[in-house]
Amino acid sequence: MSAALRFALRWSKSDEDAEDIVQEAMQRLLLYDHIENPRAWLAVVVRRLAWRLHRERQREGLALEEERHRVLESPPPATVGARLELESVLAQVARHDRRLLLLDAAGFSDEEISRKVGCRPGSIHTLLTRARQRLRRAGGE
């Protein structure tokens, strides 16, 4: 295992993220011809990329939590049991699917959802359909 990958693993939460960080850092390294200390430069870039990924994930998590509260509190489910069941089923689907479903339930348009999740507006309908199918499977329908 390379030193850069070991270093990235300390800063990231998963092997896949660490590999992505190192790959991006190596691509950036190839752009420059004259770096006096490539190892130190690489360590700094890996740390910065990992920190940026961490901040993005944190922001995404906060945004997702805000959307979840907004959807679950308006309009309220008929009973407390229904609300708890909804929260339980939502917790079983992937984070990306949950975000799509919550944005859709909150009344955002496909265009607004596409801007928030970073994909083409034409893909939203397909992504929502698949997310709903996975939600149904998670709910036992």
C-alpha atoms as a PDB file:
ATOM      1  CA  MET A   1       0.000   0.000   0.000  1.00  0.00           C
ATOM      2  CA  SER A   2       1.388   3.392  -0.953  1.00  0.00           C
ATOM      3  CA  ALA A   3       2.189   6.009   1.659  1.00  0.00           C
ATOM      4  CA  ALA A   4      -0.272   8.410   0.016  1.00  0.00           C
ATOM      5  CA  LEU A   5      -3.079   5.854   0.287  1.00  0.00           C
ATOM      6  CA  ARG A   6      -2.279   5.112   3.946  1.00  0.00           C
ATOM      7  CA  PHE A   7      -2.261   8.850   4.615  1.00  0.00           C
ATOM      8  CA  ALA A   8      -5.610   9.283   2.818  1.00  0.00           C
ATOM      9  CA  LEU A   9      -7.111   6.411   4.826  1.00  0.00           C
ATOM     10  CA  ARG A  10      -6.349   8.307   8.028  1.00  0.00           C
ATOM     11  CA  TRP A  11      -8.315  11.308   6.747  1.00  0.00           C
ATOM     12  CA  SER A  12     -11.226   9.552   5.045  1.00  0.00           C
ATOM     13  CA  LYS A  13     -13.867   7.153   6.299  1.00  0.00           C
ATOM     14  CA  SER A  14     -13.703   4.520   3.588  1.00  0.00           C
ATOM     15  CA  ASP A  15     -11.263   2.750   1.297  1.00  0.00           C
ATOM     16  CA  GLU A  16     -13.148   4.018  -1.765  1.00  0.00           C
ATOM     17  CA  ASP A  17     -12.915   7.641  -0.633  1.00  0.00           C
ATOM     18  CA  ALA A  18      -9.211   7.249   0.110  1.00  0.00           C
ATOM     19  CA  GLU A  19      -8.579   5.780  -3.321  1.00  0.00           C
ATOM     20  CA  ASP A  20     -10.521   8.611  -4.975  1.00  0.00           C
ATOM     21  CA  ILE A  21      -8.569  11.198  -3.000  1.00  0.00           C
ATOM     22  CA  VAL A  22      -5.207   9.700  -3.960  1.00  0.00           C
ATOM     23  CA  GLN A  23      -6.235   9.370  -7.589  1.00  0.00           C
ATOM     24  CA  GLU A  24      -7.253  13.023  -7.768  1.00  0.00           C
ATOM     25  CA  ALA A  25      -4.068  14.102  -5.999  1.00  0.00           C
ATOM     26  CA  MET A  26      -1.937  12.079  -8.416  1.00  0.00           C
ATOM     27  CA  GLN A  27      -3.756  13.630 -11.374  1.00  0.00           C
ATOM     28  CA  ARG A  28      -2.998  17.070  -9.990  1.00  0.00           C
ATOM     29  CA  LEU A  29       0.640  16.086  -9.438  1.00  0.00           C
ATOM     30  CA  LEU A  30       0.958  15.124 -13.113  1.00  0.00           C
ATOM     31  CA  LEU A  31      -0.124  18.628 -14.125  1.00  0.00           C
ATOM     32  CA  TYR A  32       3.027  20.184 -12.655  1.00  0.00           C
ATOM     33  CA  ASP A  33       6.531  19.665 -14.007  1.00  0.00           C
ATOM     34  CA  HIS A  34       8.684  21.138 -11.281  1.00  0.00           C
ATOM     35  CA  ILE A  35       7.714  20.290  -7.738  1.00  0.00           C
ATOM     36  CA  GLU A  36      10.681  20.309  -5.396  1.00  0.00           C
ATOM     37  CA  ASN A  37       9.313  17.809  -2.892  1.00  0.00           C
ATOM     38  CA  PRO A  38       6.571  15.707  -4.525  1.00  0.00           C
ATOM     39  CA  ARG A  39       5.997  13.603  -1.419  1.00  0.00           C
ATOM     40  CA  ALA A  40       5.314  16.618   0.809  1.00  0.00           C
ATOM     41  CA  TRP A  41       3.238  18.271  -1.915  1.00  0.00           C
ATOM     42  CA  LEU A  42       1.189  15.088  -2.303  1.00  0.00           C
ATOM     43  CA  ALA A  43       0.624  14.869   1.465  1.00  0.00           C
ATOM     44  CA  VAL A  44      -0.690  18.434   1.576  1.00  0.00           C
ATOM     45  CA  VAL A  45      -2.980  17.890  -1.426  1.00  0.00           C
ATOM     46  CA  VAL A  46      -4.309  14.594  -0.015  1.00  0.00           C
ATOM     47  CA  ARG A  47      -5.047  16.268   3.316  1.00  0.00           C
ATOM     48  CA  ARG A  48      -6.828  19.189   1.629  1.00  0.00           C
ATOM     49  CA  LEU A  49      -8.882  16.921  -0.635  1.00  0.00           C
ATOM     50  CA  ALA A  50      -9.865  14.728   2.307  1.00  0.00           C
ATOM     51  CA  TRP A  51     -10.837  17.771   4.355  1.00  0.00           C
ATOM     52  CA  ARG A  52     -12.911  19.148   1.462  1.00  0.00           C
ATOM     53  CA  LEU A  53     -14.706  15.801   1.087  1.00  0.00           C
ATOM     54  CA  HIS A  54     -15.357  15.731   4.834  1.00  0.00           C
ATOM     55  CA  ARG A  55     -16.856  19.262   4.755  1.00  0.00           C
ATOM     56  CA  GLU A  56     -19.017  18.419   1.725  1.00  0.00           C
ATOM     57  CA  ARG A  57     -20.343  15.308   3.446  1.00  0.00           C
ATOM     58  CA  GLN A  58     -21.032  17.302   6.588  1.00  0.00           C
ATOM     59  CA  ARG A  59     -22.964  19.954   4.656  1.00  0.00           C
ATOM     60  CA  GLU A  60     -24.851  17.236   2.778  1.00  0.00           C
ATOM     61  CA  GLY A  61     -25.774  15.547   6.052  1.00  0.00           C
ATOM     62  CA  LEU A  62     -27.013  18.806   7.580  1.00  0.00           C
ATOM     63  CA  ALA A  63     -29.046  19.635   4.488  1.00  0.00           C
ATOM     64  CA  LEU A  64     -30.498  16.134   4.454  1.00  0.00           C
ATOM     65  CA  GLU A  65     -31.451  16.378   8.128  1.00  0.00           C
ATOM     66  CA  GLU A  66     -33.156  19.756   7.565  1.00  0.00           C
ATOM     67  CA  GLU A  67     -35.113  18.362   4.613  1.00  0.00           C
ATOM     68  CA  ARG A  68     -36.105  15.300   6.627  1.00  0.00           C
ATOM     69  CA  HIS A  69     -37.474  17.440   9.473  1.00  0.00           C
ATOM     70  CA  ARG A  70     -39.334  19.738   7.105  1.00  0.00           C
ATOM     71  CA  VAL A  71     -41.008  16.847   5.290  1.00  0.00           C
ATOM     72  CA  LEU A  72     -41.832  14.867   8.412  1.00  0.00           C
ATOM     73  CA  GLU A  73     -43.331  17.865  10.210  1.00  0.00           C
ATOM     74  CA  SER A  74     -45.555  19.219   7.431  1.00  0.00           C
ATOM     75  CA  PRO A  75     -48.136  17.872   6.970  1.00  0.00           C
ATOM     76  CA  PRO A  76     -47.969  15.539   9.979  1.00  0.00           C
ATOM     77  CA  PRO A  77     -48.918  11.888   9.557  1.00  0.00           C
ATOM     78  CA  ALA A  78     -52.297  10.840  10.939  1.00  0.00           C
ATOM     79  CA  THR A  79     -50.796   9.022  13.911  1.00  0.00           C
ATOM     80  CA  VAL A  80     -47.552   8.848  15.797  1.00  0.00           C
ATOM     81  CA  GLY A  81     -47.248   5.220  14.714  1.00  0.00           C
ATOM     82  CA  ALA A  82     -47.454   6.172  11.036  1.00  0.00           C
ATOM     83  CA  ARG A  83     -44.764   8.795  11.519  1.00  0.00           C
ATOM     84  CA  LEU A  84     -42.475   6.336  13.278  1.00  0.00           C
ATOM     85  CA  GLU A  85     -43.075   3.776  10.543  1.00  0.00           C
ATOM     86  CA  LEU A  86     -42.254   6.369   7.870  1.00  0.00           C
ATOM     87  CA  GLU A  87     -39.030   7.337   9.640  1.00  0.00           C
ATOM     88  CA  SER A  88     -38.107   3.677  10.042  1.00  0.00           C
ATOM     89  CA  VAL A  89     -38.661   2.886   6.361  1.00  0.00           C
ATOM     90  CA  LEU A  90     -36.803   6.032   5.239  1.00  0.00           C
ATOM     91  CA  ALA A  91     -33.847   5.015   7.398  1.00  0.00           C
ATOM     92  CA  GLN A  92     -33.612   1.733   5.447  1.00  0.00           C
ATOM     93  CA  VAL A  93     -33.079   3.317   2.022  1.00  0.00           C
ATOM     94  CA  ALA A  94     -29.761   4.658   0.756  1.00  0.00           C
ATOM     95  CA  ARG A  95     -28.868   8.233   1.632  1.00  0.00           C
ATOM     96  CA  HIS A  96     -29.082   9.392  -2.002  1.00  0.00           C
ATOM     97  CA  ASP A  97     -32.546   7.829  -2.436  1.00  0.00           C
ATOM     98  CA  ARG A  98     -33.728   9.292   0.867  1.00  0.00           C
ATOM     99  CA  ARG A  99     -32.593  12.762  -0.188  1.00  0.00           C
ATOM    100  CA  LEU A 100     -34.406  12.492  -3.531  1.00  0.00           C
ATOM    101  CA  LEU A 101     -37.596  11.279  -1.864  1.00  0.00           C
ATOM    102  CA  LEU A 102     -37.547  13.993   0.786  1.00  0.00           C
ATOM    103  CA  LEU A 103     -36.943  16.745  -1.764  1.00  0.00           C
ATOM    104  CA  ASP A 104     -39.783  15.419  -3.895  1.00  0.00           C
ATOM    105  CA  ALA A 105     -42.132  15.161  -0.902  1.00  0.00           C
ATOM    106  CA  ALA A 106     -41.218  18.717   0.100  1.00  0.00           C
ATOM    107  CA  GLY A 107     -42.612  19.908  -3.229  1.00  0.00           C
ATOM    108  CA  PHE A 108     -39.418  20.799  -5.075  1.00  0.00           C
ATOM    109  CA  SER A 109     -39.580  20.671  -8.879  1.00  0.00           C
ATOM    110  CA  ASP A 110     -37.421  18.245 -10.868  1.00  0.00           C
ATOM    111  CA  GLU A 111     -35.211  21.170 -11.883  1.00  0.00           C
ATOM    112  CA  GLU A 112     -34.713  22.270  -8.258  1.00  0.00           C
ATOM    113  CA  ILE A 113     -33.983  18.705  -7.169  1.00  0.00           C
ATOM    114  CA  SER A 114     -31.448  18.290  -9.975  1.00  0.00           C
ATOM    115  CA  ARG A 115     -29.587  21.412  -8.822  1.00  0.00           C
ATOM    116  CA  LYS A 116     -29.555  20.226  -5.208  1.00  0.00           C
ATOM    117  CA  VAL A 117     -28.289  16.709  -5.967  1.00  0.00           C
ATOM    118  CA  GLY A 118     -26.030  17.672  -8.875  1.00  0.00           C
ATOM    119  CA  CYS A 119     -27.432  15.707 -11.794  1.00  0.00           C
ATOM    120  CA  ARG A 120     -29.246  16.439 -15.055  1.00  0.00           C
ATOM    121  CA  PRO A 121     -32.900  17.486 -14.762  1.00  0.00           C
ATOM    122  CA  GLY A 122     -33.878  14.775 -17.229  1.00  0.00           C
ATOM    123  CA  SER A 123     -32.545  12.087 -14.891  1.00  0.00           C
ATOM    124  CA  ILE A 124     -34.627  13.072 -11.879  1.00  0.00           C
ATOM    125  CA  HIS A 125     -37.820  11.290 -12.953  1.00  0.00           C
ATOM    126  CA  THR A 126     -35.943   8.002 -13.438  1.00  0.00           C
ATOM    127  CA  LEU A 127     -33.997   8.394 -10.201  1.00  0.00           C
ATOM    128  CA  LEU A 128     -37.187   9.159  -8.263  1.00  0.00           C
ATOM    129  CA  THR A 129     -38.986   6.170  -9.770  1.00  0.00           C
ATOM    130  CA  ARG A 130     -36.156   3.862  -8.735  1.00  0.00           C
ATOM    131  CA  ALA A 131     -35.955   5.438  -5.273  1.00  0.00           C
ATOM    132  CA  ARG A 132     -39.700   4.910  -4.792  1.00  0.00           C
ATOM    133  CA  GLN A 133     -39.358   1.266  -5.849  1.00  0.00           C
ATOM    134  CA  ARG A 134     -36.574   0.729  -3.319  1.00  0.00           C
ATOM    135  CA  LEU A 135     -38.649   2.518  -0.661  1.00  0.00           C
ATOM    136  CA  ARG A 136     -41.592   0.210  -1.350  1.00  0.00           C
ATOM    137  CA  ARG A 137     -39.331  -2.837  -1.053  1.00  0.00           C
ATOM    138  CA  ALA A 138     -37.906  -1.513   2.215  1.00  0.00           C
ATOM    139  CA  GLY A 139     -41.440  -0.926   3.523  1.00  0.00           C
ATOM    140  CA  GLY A 140     -42.509  -4.453   2.686  1.00  0.00           C
ATOM    141  CA  GLU A 141     -44.950  -3.674  -0.124  1.00  0.00           C
END
